[in-house]
């Protein structure tokens, strides 16, 4: 498991918390306040994603990607002890391409990747 926002973080561990559920330990989390900042981060991750050419695709994804987008709305109510918070989580999953080895012409590293996709 690799953190696409910090490529120095590799071999991260999957953990489970009874209250918050499954998560990746030590994964980079970034707070943004507008859609263009969120899109910039998604593009940065796409750029860092493992890709490679095969006979079937010029740019073929060689890794799975999971993006968790947590959206919070905070409403401040006069006289209340704190803000009212509404929270939603959008999970986006993009699975690596799994072309047939014979048709893709995969060899060497690409063949090794295809075996584990």
PDB file of N, CA and C in Angstrom:
ATOM      1  N   UNK A   1       0.861  -1.170   0.000  1.00  0.00           N
ATOM      2  CA  UNK A   1       0.000   0.000   0.000  1.00  0.00           C
ATOM      3  C   UNK A   1       0.901   1.225   0.000  1.00  0.00           C
ATOM      4  N   UNK A   2       0.639   2.132  -0.938  1.00  0.00           N
ATOM      5  CA  UNK A   2       1.441   3.343  -1.103  1.00  0.00           C
ATOM      6  C   UNK A   2       0.524   4.557  -0.966  1.00  0.00           C
ATOM      7  N   UNK A   3       1.014   5.573  -0.312  1.00  0.00           N
ATOM      8  CA  UNK A   3       0.294   6.840  -0.160  1.00  0.00           C
ATOM      9  C   UNK A   3       0.598   7.693  -1.385  1.00  0.00           C
ATOM     10  N   UNK A   4      -0.388   7.927  -2.252  1.00  0.00           N
ATOM     11  CA  UNK A   4      -0.157   8.681  -3.483  1.00  0.00           C
ATOM     12  C   UNK A   4       0.043  10.172  -3.249  1.00  0.00           C
ATOM     13  N   UNK A   5      -0.210  10.652  -2.041  1.00  0.00           N
ATOM     14  CA  UNK A   5       0.084  12.044  -1.710  1.00  0.00           C
ATOM     15  C   UNK A   5       1.465  12.197  -1.085  1.00  0.00           C
ATOM     16  N   UNK A   6       2.082  11.100  -0.694  1.00  0.00           N
ATOM     17  CA  UNK A   6       3.443  11.115  -0.143  1.00  0.00           C
ATOM     18  C   UNK A   6       4.105   9.794  -0.520  1.00  0.00           C
ATOM     19  N   UNK A   7       4.814   9.796  -1.648  1.00  0.00           N
ATOM     20  CA  UNK A   7       5.387   8.559  -2.182  1.00  0.00           C
ATOM     21  C   UNK A   7       6.482   7.967  -1.309  1.00  0.00           C
ATOM     22  N   UNK A   8       6.924   8.708  -0.291  1.00  0.00           N
ATOM     23  CA  UNK A   8       7.899   8.162   0.659  1.00  0.00           C
ATOM     24  C   UNK A   8       7.246   7.213   1.650  1.00  0.00           C
ATOM     25  N   UNK A   9       5.910   7.281   1.756  1.00  0.00           N
ATOM     26  CA  UNK A   9       5.172   6.388   2.657  1.00  0.00           C
ATOM     27  C   UNK A   9       4.764   5.144   1.873  1.00  0.00           C
ATOM     28  N   UNK A  10       5.462   4.049   2.120  1.00  0.00           N
ATOM     29  CA  UNK A  10       5.162   2.788   1.441  1.00  0.00           C
ATOM     30  C   UNK A  10       4.917   1.709   2.479  1.00  0.00           C
ATOM     31  N   UNK A  11       4.372   0.619   2.052  1.00  0.00           N
ATOM     32  CA  UNK A  11       4.093  -0.524   2.921  1.00  0.00           C
ATOM     33  C   UNK A  11       3.264  -0.106   4.137  1.00  0.00           C
ATOM     34  N   UNK A  12       2.234   0.689   3.898  1.00  0.00           N
ATOM     35  CA  UNK A  12       1.345   1.112   4.980  1.00  0.00           C
ATOM     36  C   UNK A  12       0.453  -0.053   5.392  1.00  0.00           C
ATOM     37  N   UNK A  13      -0.041  -0.015   6.604  1.00  0.00           N
ATOM     38  CA  UNK A  13      -0.827  -1.127   7.154  1.00  0.00           C
ATOM     39  C   UNK A  13      -2.316  -0.804   7.204  1.00  0.00           C
ATOM     40  N   UNK A  14      -3.117  -1.818   6.930  1.00  0.00           N
ATOM     41  CA  UNK A  14      -4.569  -1.706   7.073  1.00  0.00           C
ATOM     42  C   UNK A  14      -4.911  -2.035   8.519  1.00  0.00           C
ATOM     43  N   UNK A  15      -5.683  -1.182   9.137  1.00  0.00           N
ATOM     44  CA  UNK A  15      -6.087  -1.364  10.543  1.00  0.00           C
ATOM     45  C   UNK A  15      -7.607  -1.309  10.638  1.00  0.00           C
ATOM     46  N   UNK A  16      -8.112  -1.725  11.773  1.00  0.00           N
ATOM     47  CA  UNK A  16      -9.554  -1.633  12.013  1.00  0.00           C
ATOM     48  C   UNK A  16      -9.792  -1.118  13.421  1.00  0.00           C
ATOM     49  N   UNK A  17     -10.679  -0.136  13.513  1.00  0.00           N
ATOM     50  CA  UNK A  17     -11.061   0.449  14.784  1.00  0.00           C
ATOM     51  C   UNK A  17     -12.534   0.124  15.021  1.00  0.00           C
ATOM     52  N   UNK A  18     -12.895  -0.339  16.230  1.00  0.00           N
ATOM     53  CA  UNK A  18     -14.290  -0.700  16.488  1.00  0.00           C
ATOM     54  C   UNK A  18     -15.279   0.447  16.238  1.00  0.00           C
ATOM     55  N   UNK A  19     -14.837   1.682  16.458  1.00  0.00           N
ATOM     56  CA  UNK A  19     -15.747   2.821  16.295  1.00  0.00           C
ATOM     57  C   UNK A  19     -15.732   3.401  14.883  1.00  0.00           C
ATOM     58  N   UNK A  20     -14.527   3.601  14.317  1.00  0.00           N
ATOM     59  CA  UNK A  20     -14.448   4.270  13.018  1.00  0.00           C
ATOM     60  C   UNK A  20     -14.306   3.334  11.828  1.00  0.00           C
ATOM     61  N   UNK A  21     -14.079   2.040  12.065  1.00  0.00           N
ATOM     62  CA  UNK A  21     -14.004   1.074  10.971  1.00  0.00           C
ATOM     63  C   UNK A  21     -12.594   0.873  10.436  1.00  0.00           C
ATOM     64  N   UNK A  22     -12.519   0.442   9.179  1.00  0.00           N
ATOM     65  CA  UNK A  22     -11.247   0.110   8.533  1.00  0.00           C
ATOM     66  C   UNK A  22     -10.565   1.394   8.061  1.00  0.00           C
ATOM     67  N   UNK A  23      -9.247   1.465   8.244  1.00  0.00           N
ATOM     68  CA  UNK A  23      -8.480   2.624   7.797  1.00  0.00           C
ATOM     69  C   UNK A  23      -7.047   2.206   7.491  1.00  0.00           C
ATOM     70  N   UNK A  24      -6.321   3.082   6.813  1.00  0.00           N
ATOM     71  CA  UNK A  24      -4.903   2.860   6.520  1.00  0.00           C
ATOM     72  C   UNK A  24      -4.095   3.692   7.510  1.00  0.00           C
ATOM     73  N   UNK A  25      -3.243   3.017   8.267  1.00  0.00           N
ATOM     74  CA  UNK A  25      -2.424   3.684   9.283  1.00  0.00           C
ATOM     75  C   UNK A  25      -1.419   4.624   8.628  1.00  0.00           C
ATOM     76  N   UNK A  26      -1.319   5.858   9.130  1.00  0.00           N
ATOM     77  CA  UNK A  26      -0.333   6.848   8.717  1.00  0.00           C
ATOM     78  C   UNK A  26      -0.561   7.382   7.299  1.00  0.00           C
ATOM     79  N   UNK A  27      -1.766   7.290   6.781  1.00  0.00           N
ATOM     80  CA  UNK A  27      -2.086   7.802   5.454  1.00  0.00           C
ATOM     81  C   UNK A  27      -2.240   9.318   5.509  1.00  0.00           C
ATOM     82  N   UNK A  28      -1.776  10.006   4.490  1.00  0.00           N
ATOM     83  CA  UNK A  28      -1.863  11.465   4.446  1.00  0.00           C
ATOM     84  C   UNK A  28      -3.326  11.913   4.343  1.00  0.00           C
ATOM     85  N   UNK A  29      -3.697  12.871   5.171  1.00  0.00           N
ATOM     86  CA  UNK A  29      -5.031  13.475   5.122  1.00  0.00           C
ATOM     87  C   UNK A  29      -4.843  14.969   4.933  1.00  0.00           C
ATOM     88  N   UNK A  30      -5.593  15.551   3.991  1.00  0.00           N
ATOM     89  CA  UNK A  30      -5.469  16.966   3.681  1.00  0.00           C
ATOM     90  C   UNK A  30      -6.844  17.609   3.778  1.00  0.00           C
ATOM     91  N   UNK A  31      -6.926  18.728   4.485  1.00  0.00           N
ATOM     92  CA  UNK A  31      -8.173  19.486   4.560  1.00  0.00           C
ATOM     93  C   UNK A  31      -8.202  20.505   3.435  1.00  0.00           C
ATOM     94  N   UNK A  32      -9.318  20.578   2.734  1.00  0.00           N
ATOM     95  CA  UNK A  32      -9.500  21.578   1.683  1.00  0.00           C
ATOM     96  C   UNK A  32     -10.806  22.318   1.954  1.00  0.00           C
ATOM     97  N   UNK A  33     -10.921  23.504   1.382  1.00  0.00           N
ATOM     98  CA  UNK A  33     -12.122  24.311   1.622  1.00  0.00           C
ATOM     99  C   UNK A  33     -12.895  24.628   0.352  1.00  0.00           C
ATOM    100  N   UNK A  34     -12.401  24.108  -0.802  1.00  0.00           N
ATOM    101  CA  UNK A  34     -13.137  24.354  -2.042  1.00  0.00           C
ATOM    102  C   UNK A  34     -12.912  23.206  -3.020  1.00  0.00           C
ATOM    103  N   UNK A  35     -13.815  23.061  -3.986  1.00  0.00           N
ATOM    104  CA  UNK A  35     -13.727  21.939  -4.941  1.00  0.00           C
ATOM    105  C   UNK A  35     -12.445  21.929  -5.777  1.00  0.00           C
ATOM    106  N   UNK A  36     -11.921  23.093  -6.149  1.00  0.00           N
ATOM    107  CA  UNK A  36     -10.726  23.095  -6.998  1.00  0.00           C
ATOM    108  C   UNK A  36      -9.506  22.543  -6.251  1.00  0.00           C
ATOM    109  N   UNK A  37      -9.408  22.790  -4.941  1.00  0.00           N
ATOM    110  CA  UNK A  37      -8.311  22.210  -4.161  1.00  0.00           C
ATOM    111  C   UNK A  37      -8.445  20.692  -4.070  1.00  0.00           C
ATOM    112  N   UNK A  38      -9.677  20.201  -3.924  1.00  0.00           N
ATOM    113  CA  UNK A  38      -9.912  18.758  -3.879  1.00  0.00           C
ATOM    114  C   UNK A  38      -9.547  18.121  -5.223  1.00  0.00           C
ATOM    115  N   UNK A  39      -9.948  18.751  -6.326  1.00  0.00           N
ATOM    116  CA  UNK A  39      -9.631  18.239  -7.660  1.00  0.00           C
ATOM    117  C   UNK A  39      -8.118  18.221  -7.894  1.00  0.00           C
ATOM    118  N   UNK A  40      -7.420  19.240  -7.416  1.00  0.00           N
ATOM    119  CA  UNK A  40      -5.956  19.273  -7.535  1.00  0.00           C
ATOM    120  C   UNK A  40      -5.334  18.046  -6.872  1.00  0.00           C
ATOM    121  N   UNK A  41      -5.809  17.690  -5.684  1.00  0.00           N
ATOM    122  CA  UNK A  41      -5.271  16.525  -4.976  1.00  0.00           C
ATOM    123  C   UNK A  41      -5.565  15.229  -5.725  1.00  0.00           C
ATOM    124  N   UNK A  42      -6.776  15.118  -6.278  1.00  0.00           N
ATOM    125  CA  UNK A  42      -7.132  13.917  -7.051  1.00  0.00           C
ATOM    126  C   UNK A  42      -6.218  13.807  -8.277  1.00  0.00           C
ATOM    127  N   UNK A  43      -5.967  14.924  -8.958  1.00  0.00           N
ATOM    128  CA  UNK A  43      -5.073  14.924 -10.124  1.00  0.00           C
ATOM    129  C   UNK A  43      -3.642  14.554  -9.730  1.00  0.00           C
ATOM    130  N   UNK A  44      -3.211  15.038  -8.594  1.00  0.00           N
ATOM    131  CA  UNK A  44      -1.867  14.702  -8.100  1.00  0.00           C
ATOM    132  C   UNK A  44      -1.746  13.203  -7.839  1.00  0.00           C
ATOM    133  N   UNK A  45      -2.778  12.620  -7.255  1.00  0.00           N
ATOM    134  CA  UNK A  45      -2.785  11.170  -7.024  1.00  0.00           C
ATOM    135  C   UNK A  45      -2.778  10.408  -8.342  1.00  0.00           C
ATOM    136  N   UNK A  46      -3.588  10.857  -9.310  1.00  0.00           N
ATOM    137  CA  UNK A  46      -3.633  10.196 -10.614  1.00  0.00           C
ATOM    138  C   UNK A  46      -2.267  10.238 -11.286  1.00  0.00           C
ATOM    139  N   UNK A  47      -1.564  11.349 -11.149  1.00  0.00           N
ATOM    140  CA  UNK A  47      -0.229  11.482 -11.724  1.00  0.00           C
ATOM    141  C   UNK A  47       0.749  10.504 -11.060  1.00  0.00           C
ATOM    142  N   UNK A  48       0.613  10.295  -9.757  1.00  0.00           N
ATOM    143  CA  UNK A  48       1.531   9.421  -9.008  1.00  0.00           C
ATOM    144  C   UNK A  48       1.176   7.945  -9.119  1.00  0.00           C
ATOM    145  N   UNK A  49       0.038   7.645  -9.676  1.00  0.00           N
ATOM    146  CA  UNK A  49      -0.413   6.251  -9.785  1.00  0.00           C
ATOM    147  C   UNK A  49       0.483   5.477 -10.746  1.00  0.00           C
ATOM    148  N   UNK A  50       0.676   4.188 -10.461  1.00  0.00           N
ATOM    149  CA  UNK A  50       1.489   3.332 -11.325  1.00  0.00           C
ATOM    150  C   UNK A  50       0.730   3.089 -12.627  1.00  0.00           C
ATOM    151  N   UNK A  51       1.407   3.380 -13.758  1.00  0.00           N
ATOM    152  CA  UNK A  51       0.821   3.198 -15.079  1.00  0.00           C
ATOM    153  C   UNK A  51       1.862   2.544 -15.980  1.00  0.00           C
ATOM    154  N   UNK A  52       1.396   1.901 -17.029  1.00  0.00           N
ATOM    155  CA  UNK A  52       2.316   1.317 -17.989  1.00  0.00           C
ATOM    156  C   UNK A  52       1.595   1.009 -19.284  1.00  0.00           C
ATOM    157  N   UNK A  53       2.342   0.939 -20.368  1.00  0.00           N
ATOM    158  CA  UNK A  53       1.761   0.663 -21.686  1.00  0.00           C
ATOM    159  C   UNK A  53       1.674  -0.843 -21.927  1.00  0.00           C
ATOM    160  N   UNK A  54       0.591  -1.253 -22.593  1.00  0.00           N
ATOM    161  CA  UNK A  54       0.438  -2.620 -23.083  1.00  0.00           C
ATOM    162  C   UNK A  54      -0.003  -2.511 -24.542  1.00  0.00           C
ATOM    163  N   UNK A  55      -0.112  -3.651 -25.240  1.00  0.00           N
ATOM    164  CA  UNK A  55      -0.592  -3.615 -26.628  1.00  0.00           C
ATOM    165  C   UNK A  55      -2.045  -3.151 -26.695  1.00  0.00           C
ATOM    166  N   UNK A  56      -2.784  -3.299 -25.608  1.00  0.00           N
ATOM    167  CA  UNK A  56      -4.205  -2.944 -25.612  1.00  0.00           C
ATOM    168  C   UNK A  56      -4.451  -1.496 -25.183  1.00  0.00           C
ATOM    169  N   UNK A  57      -3.574  -0.933 -24.358  1.00  0.00           N
ATOM    170  CA  UNK A  57      -3.744   0.423 -23.847  1.00  0.00           C
ATOM    171  C   UNK A  57      -2.396   1.135 -23.803  1.00  0.00           C
ATOM    172  N   UNK A  58      -2.377   2.372 -24.292  1.00  0.00           N
ATOM    173  CA  UNK A  58      -1.158   3.170 -24.222  1.00  0.00           C
ATOM    174  C   UNK A  58      -0.810   3.495 -22.772  1.00  0.00           C
ATOM    175  N   UNK A  59      -1.855   3.839 -21.987  1.00  0.00           N
ATOM    176  CA  UNK A  59      -1.660   4.116 -20.568  1.00  0.00           C
ATOM    177  C   UNK A  59      -2.623   3.217 -19.796  1.00  0.00           C
ATOM    178  N   UNK A  60      -2.092   2.180 -19.206  1.00  0.00           N
ATOM    179  CA  UNK A  60      -2.904   1.214 -18.472  1.00  0.00           C
ATOM    180  C   UNK A  60      -2.589   1.315 -16.983  1.00  0.00           C
ATOM    181  N   UNK A  61      -3.635   1.465 -16.164  1.00  0.00           N
ATOM    182  CA  UNK A  61      -3.403   1.532 -14.726  1.00  0.00           C
ATOM    183  C   UNK A  61      -2.902   0.180 -14.243  1.00  0.00           C
ATOM    184  N   UNK A  62      -1.888   0.215 -13.406  1.00  0.00           N
ATOM    185  CA  UNK A  62      -1.281  -1.009 -12.893  1.00  0.00           C
ATOM    186  C   UNK A  62      -1.503  -1.146 -11.393  1.00  0.00           C
ATOM    187  N   UNK A  63      -2.397  -0.338 -10.854  1.00  0.00           N
ATOM    188  CA  UNK A  63      -2.658  -0.382  -9.419  1.00  0.00           C
ATOM    189  C   UNK A  63      -4.108   0.010  -9.156  1.00  0.00           C
ATOM    190  N   UNK A  64      -4.624  -0.453  -8.049  1.00  0.00           N
ATOM    191  CA  UNK A  64      -5.952  -0.043  -7.610  1.00  0.00           C
ATOM    192  C   UNK A  64      -5.817   1.274  -6.844  1.00  0.00           C
ATOM    193  N   UNK A  65      -6.872   2.082  -6.870  1.00  0.00           N
ATOM    194  CA  UNK A  65      -6.863   3.341  -6.134  1.00  0.00           C
ATOM    195  C   UNK A  65      -8.172   3.466  -5.363  1.00  0.00           C
ATOM    196  N   UNK A  66      -8.064   3.905  -4.111  1.00  0.00           N
ATOM    197  CA  UNK A  66      -9.237   4.189  -3.285  1.00  0.00           C
ATOM    198  C   UNK A  66      -9.096   5.624  -2.785  1.00  0.00           C
ATOM    199  N   UNK A  67     -10.126   6.430  -3.041  1.00  0.00           N
ATOM    200  CA  UNK A  67     -10.143   7.813  -2.569  1.00  0.00           C
ATOM    201  C   UNK A  67     -11.315   7.960  -1.616  1.00  0.00           C
ATOM    202  N   UNK A  68     -11.047   8.460  -0.424  1.00  0.00           N
ATOM    203  CA  UNK A  68     -12.100   8.763   0.537  1.00  0.00           C
ATOM    204  C   UNK A  68     -12.216  10.269   0.644  1.00  0.00           C
ATOM    205  N   UNK A  69     -13.373  10.779   0.290  1.00  0.00           N
ATOM    206  CA  UNK A  69     -13.618  12.212   0.372  1.00  0.00           C
ATOM    207  C   UNK A  69     -14.637  12.433   1.477  1.00  0.00           C
ATOM    208  N   UNK A  70     -14.199  13.068   2.547  1.00  0.00           N
ATOM    209  CA  UNK A  70     -15.066  13.354   3.688  1.00  0.00           C
ATOM    210  C   UNK A  70     -15.544  14.793   3.560  1.00  0.00           C
ATOM    211  N   UNK A  71     -16.854  14.975   3.503  1.00  0.00           N
ATOM    212  CA  UNK A  71     -17.435  16.305   3.357  1.00  0.00           C
ATOM    213  C   UNK A  71     -18.148  16.656   4.656  1.00  0.00           C
ATOM    214  N   UNK A  72     -17.816  17.823   5.194  1.00  0.00           N
ATOM    215  CA  UNK A  72     -18.459  18.286   6.426  1.00  0.00           C
ATOM    216  C   UNK A  72     -19.100  19.650   6.196  1.00  0.00           C
ATOM    217  N   UNK A  73     -20.278  19.790   6.740  1.00  0.00           N
ATOM    218  CA  UNK A  73     -20.959  21.085   6.738  1.00  0.00           C
ATOM    219  C   UNK A  73     -21.130  21.491   8.192  1.00  0.00           C
ATOM    220  N   UNK A  74     -20.635  22.663   8.511  1.00  0.00           N
ATOM    221  CA  UNK A  74     -20.737  23.172   9.882  1.00  0.00           C
ATOM    222  C   UNK A  74     -21.640  24.396   9.888  1.00  0.00           C
ATOM    223  N   UNK A  75     -22.665  24.333  10.738  1.00  0.00           N
ATOM    224  CA  UNK A  75     -23.590  25.454  10.881  1.00  0.00           C
ATOM    225  C   UNK A  75     -23.463  25.987  12.301  1.00  0.00           C
ATOM    226  N   UNK A  76     -23.146  27.264  12.393  1.00  0.00           N
ATOM    227  CA  UNK A  76     -23.006  27.878  13.707  1.00  0.00           C
ATOM    228  C   UNK A  76     -24.340  28.490  14.111  1.00  0.00           C
ATOM    229  N   UNK A  77     -24.843  28.036  15.248  1.00  0.00           N
ATOM    230  CA  UNK A  77     -26.130  28.495  15.759  1.00  0.00           C
ATOM    231  C   UNK A  77     -25.877  29.376  16.978  1.00  0.00           C
ATOM    232  N   UNK A  78     -26.353  30.606  16.931  1.00  0.00           N
ATOM    233  CA  UNK A  78     -26.140  31.500  18.076  1.00  0.00           C
ATOM    234  C   UNK A  78     -26.671  30.882  19.375  1.00  0.00           C
ATOM    235  N   UNK A  79     -25.850  30.943  20.405  1.00  0.00           N
ATOM    236  CA  UNK A  79     -26.245  30.411  21.706  1.00  0.00           C
ATOM    237  C   UNK A  79     -25.956  28.932  21.890  1.00  0.00           C
ATOM    238  N   UNK A  80     -25.657  28.214  20.818  1.00  0.00           N
ATOM    239  CA  UNK A  80     -25.356  26.773  20.931  1.00  0.00           C
ATOM    240  C   UNK A  80     -23.916  26.607  21.406  1.00  0.00           C
ATOM    241  N   UNK A  81     -23.617  25.508  22.117  1.00  0.00           N
ATOM    242  CA  UNK A  81     -22.270  25.304  22.640  1.00  0.00           C
ATOM    243  C   UNK A  81     -21.226  25.057  21.548  1.00  0.00           C
ATOM    244  N   UNK A  82     -21.677  24.662  20.376  1.00  0.00           N
ATOM    245  CA  UNK A  82     -20.749  24.394  19.272  1.00  0.00           C
ATOM    246  C   UNK A  82     -21.530  24.312  17.978  1.00  0.00           C
ATOM    247  N   UNK A  83     -20.837  24.132  16.870  1.00  0.00           N
ATOM    248  CA  UNK A  83     -21.534  24.075  15.588  1.00  0.00           C
ATOM    249  C   UNK A  83     -22.295  22.763  15.403  1.00  0.00           C
ATOM    250  N   UNK A  84     -23.324  22.828  14.590  1.00  0.00           N
ATOM    251  CA  UNK A  84     -24.022  21.627  14.152  1.00  0.00           C
ATOM    252  C   UNK A  84     -23.222  21.082  12.961  1.00  0.00           C
ATOM    253  N   UNK A  85     -22.881  19.796  12.994  1.00  0.00           N
ATOM    254  CA  UNK A  85     -22.023  19.234  11.954  1.00  0.00           C
ATOM    255  C   UNK A  85     -22.756  18.100  11.238  1.00  0.00           C
ATOM    256  N   UNK A  86     -22.811  18.207   9.911  1.00  0.00           N
ATOM    257  CA  UNK A  86     -23.306  17.122   9.059  1.00  0.00           C
ATOM    258  C   UNK A  86     -22.094  16.594   8.311  1.00  0.00           C
ATOM    259  N   UNK A  87     -21.978  15.259   8.245  1.00  0.00           N
ATOM    260  CA  UNK A  87     -20.794  14.647   7.660  1.00  0.00           C
ATOM    261  C   UNK A  87     -21.197  13.528   6.718  1.00  0.00           C
ATOM    262  N   UNK A  88     -20.520  13.461   5.573  1.00  0.00           N
ATOM    263  CA  UNK A  88     -20.737  12.381   4.607  1.00  0.00           C
ATOM    264  C   UNK A  88     -19.388  11.914   4.087  1.00  0.00           C
ATOM    265  N   UNK A  89     -19.307  10.649   3.705  1.00  0.00           N
ATOM    266  CA  UNK A  89     -18.073  10.104   3.154  1.00  0.00           C
ATOM    267  C   UNK A  89     -18.382   9.534   1.772  1.00  0.00           C
ATOM    268  N   UNK A  90     -17.643  10.009   0.776  1.00  0.00           N
ATOM    269  CA  UNK A  90     -17.756   9.495  -0.584  1.00  0.00           C
ATOM    270  C   UNK A  90     -16.525   8.641  -0.836  1.00  0.00           C
ATOM    271  N   UNK A  91     -16.738   7.382  -1.198  1.00  0.00           N
ATOM    272  CA  UNK A  91     -15.644   6.473  -1.494  1.00  0.00           C
ATOM    273  C   UNK A  91     -15.626   6.199  -2.991  1.00  0.00           C
ATOM    274  N   UNK A  92     -14.480   6.486  -3.618  1.00  0.00           N
ATOM    275  CA  UNK A  92     -14.304   6.252  -5.049  1.00  0.00           C
ATOM    276  C   UNK A  92     -13.243   5.177  -5.201  1.00  0.00           C
ATOM    277  N   UNK A  93     -13.562   4.123  -5.971  1.00  0.00           N
ATOM    278  CA  UNK A  93     -12.634   3.019  -6.182  1.00  0.00           C
ATOM    279  C   UNK A  93     -12.400   2.856  -7.684  1.00  0.00           C
ATOM    280  N   UNK A  94     -11.138   2.829  -8.089  1.00  0.00           N
ATOM    281  CA  UNK A  94     -10.778   2.569  -9.477  1.00  0.00           C
ATOM    282  C   UNK A  94      -9.843   1.371  -9.478  1.00  0.00           C
ATOM    283  N   UNK A  95     -10.304   0.291 -10.091  1.00  0.00           N
ATOM    284  CA  UNK A  95      -9.508  -0.933 -10.110  1.00  0.00           C
ATOM    285  C   UNK A  95      -8.558  -0.935 -11.296  1.00  0.00           C
ATOM    286  N   UNK A  96      -7.407  -1.558 -11.105  1.00  0.00           N
ATOM    287  CA  UNK A  96      -6.408  -1.640 -12.167  1.00  0.00           C
ATOM    288  C   UNK A  96      -6.967  -2.419 -13.348  1.00  0.00           C
ATOM    289  N   UNK A  97      -6.459  -2.094 -14.535  1.00  0.00           N
ATOM    290  CA  UNK A  97      -6.858  -2.828 -15.738  1.00  0.00           C
ATOM    291  C   UNK A  97      -6.391  -4.271 -15.665  1.00  0.00           C
ATOM    292  N   UNK A  98      -7.216  -5.169 -16.178  1.00  0.00           N
ATOM    293  CA  UNK A  98      -6.841  -6.595 -16.137  1.00  0.00           C
ATOM    294  C   UNK A  98      -7.014  -7.203 -17.525  1.00  0.00           C
ATOM    295  N   UNK A  99      -6.199  -6.733 -18.485  1.00  0.00           N
ATOM    296  CA  UNK A  99      -6.266  -7.248 -19.841  1.00  0.00           C
ATOM    297  C   UNK A  99      -5.756  -8.688 -19.875  1.00  0.00           C
ATOM    298  N   UNK A 100      -6.218  -9.425 -20.861  1.00  0.00           N
ATOM    299  CA  UNK A 100      -5.704 -10.785 -21.046  1.00  0.00           C
ATOM    300  C   UNK A 100      -4.226 -10.704 -21.437  1.00  0.00           C
ATOM    301  N   UNK A 101      -3.423 -11.523 -20.813  1.00  0.00           N
ATOM    302  CA  UNK A 101      -1.977 -11.482 -21.025  1.00  0.00           C
ATOM    303  C   UNK A 101      -1.632 -11.705 -22.496  1.00  0.00           C
ATOM    304  N   UNK A 102      -2.290 -12.658 -23.138  1.00  0.00           N
ATOM    305  CA  UNK A 102      -1.994 -12.947 -24.543  1.00  0.00           C
ATOM    306  C   UNK A 102      -2.284 -11.770 -25.455  1.00  0.00           C
ATOM    307  N   UNK A 103      -3.374 -11.063 -25.204  1.00  0.00           N
ATOM    308  CA  UNK A 103      -3.746  -9.918 -26.041  1.00  0.00           C
ATOM    309  C   UNK A 103      -2.944  -8.670 -25.705  1.00  0.00           C
ATOM    310  N   UNK A 104      -2.566  -8.511 -24.441  1.00  0.00           N
ATOM    311  CA  UNK A 104      -1.870  -7.287 -24.031  1.00  0.00           C
ATOM    312  C   UNK A 104      -0.391  -7.312 -24.391  1.00  0.00           C
ATOM    313  N   UNK A 105       0.166  -8.505 -24.599  1.00  0.00           N
ATOM    314  CA  UNK A 105       1.592  -8.606 -24.906  1.00  0.00           C
ATOM    315  C   UNK A 105       2.462  -8.308 -23.707  1.00  0.00           C
ATOM    316  N   UNK A 106       1.935  -8.481 -22.525  1.00  0.00           N
ATOM    317  CA  UNK A 106       2.689  -8.167 -21.310  1.00  0.00           C
ATOM    318  C   UNK A 106       3.880  -9.097 -21.146  1.00  0.00           C
ATOM    319  N   UNK A 107       5.012  -8.494 -20.802  1.00  0.00           N
ATOM    320  CA  UNK A 107       6.240  -9.240 -20.543  1.00  0.00           C
ATOM    321  C   UNK A 107       6.949  -8.616 -19.359  1.00  0.00           C
ATOM    322  N   UNK A 108       7.828  -9.362 -18.743  1.00  0.00           N
ATOM    323  CA  UNK A 108       8.655  -8.833 -17.657  1.00  0.00           C
ATOM    324  C   UNK A 108       7.833  -8.248 -16.525  1.00  0.00           C
ATOM    325  N   UNK A 109       8.103  -6.971 -16.214  1.00  0.00           N
ATOM    326  CA  UNK A 109       7.437  -6.301 -15.095  1.00  0.00           C
ATOM    327  C   UNK A 109       5.921  -6.235 -15.309  1.00  0.00           C
ATOM    328  N   UNK A 110       5.480  -5.927 -16.543  1.00  0.00           N
ATOM    329  CA  UNK A 110       4.038  -5.852 -16.839  1.00  0.00           C
ATOM    330  C   UNK A 110       3.370  -7.209 -16.622  1.00  0.00           C
ATOM    331  N   UNK A 111       4.049  -8.294 -16.990  1.00  0.00           N
ATOM    332  CA  UNK A 111       3.501  -9.636 -16.783  1.00  0.00           C
ATOM    333  C   UNK A 111       3.382  -9.930 -15.293  1.00  0.00           C
ATOM    334  N   UNK A 112       4.394  -9.559 -14.516  1.00  0.00           N
ATOM    335  CA  UNK A 112       4.354  -9.775 -13.066  1.00  0.00           C
ATOM    336  C   UNK A 112       3.193  -9.001 -12.436  1.00  0.00           C
ATOM    337  N   UNK A 113       2.971  -7.745 -12.907  1.00  0.00           N
ATOM    338  CA  UNK A 113       1.863  -6.951 -12.407  1.00  0.00           C
ATOM    339  C   UNK A 113       0.526  -7.599 -12.745  1.00  0.00           C
ATOM    340  N   UNK A 114       0.407  -8.086 -13.984  1.00  0.00           N
ATOM    341  CA  UNK A 114      -0.849  -8.690 -14.434  1.00  0.00           C
ATOM    342  C   UNK A 114      -1.213  -9.916 -13.600  1.00  0.00           C
ATOM    343  N   UNK A 115      -0.229 -10.617 -13.119  1.00  0.00           N
ATOM    344  CA  UNK A 115      -0.475 -11.818 -12.319  1.00  0.00           C
ATOM    345  C   UNK A 115      -1.150 -11.493 -10.977  1.00  0.00           C
ATOM    346  N   UNK A 116      -0.894 -10.305 -10.434  1.00  0.00           N
ATOM    347  CA  UNK A 116      -1.442  -9.970  -9.112  1.00  0.00           C
ATOM    348  C   UNK A 116      -2.642  -9.025  -9.177  1.00  0.00           C
ATOM    349  N   UNK A 117      -3.035  -8.599 -10.379  1.00  0.00           N
ATOM    350  CA  UNK A 117      -4.194  -7.719 -10.515  1.00  0.00           C
ATOM    351  C   UNK A 117      -5.467  -8.556 -10.441  1.00  0.00           C
TER     352      UNK A 117
END
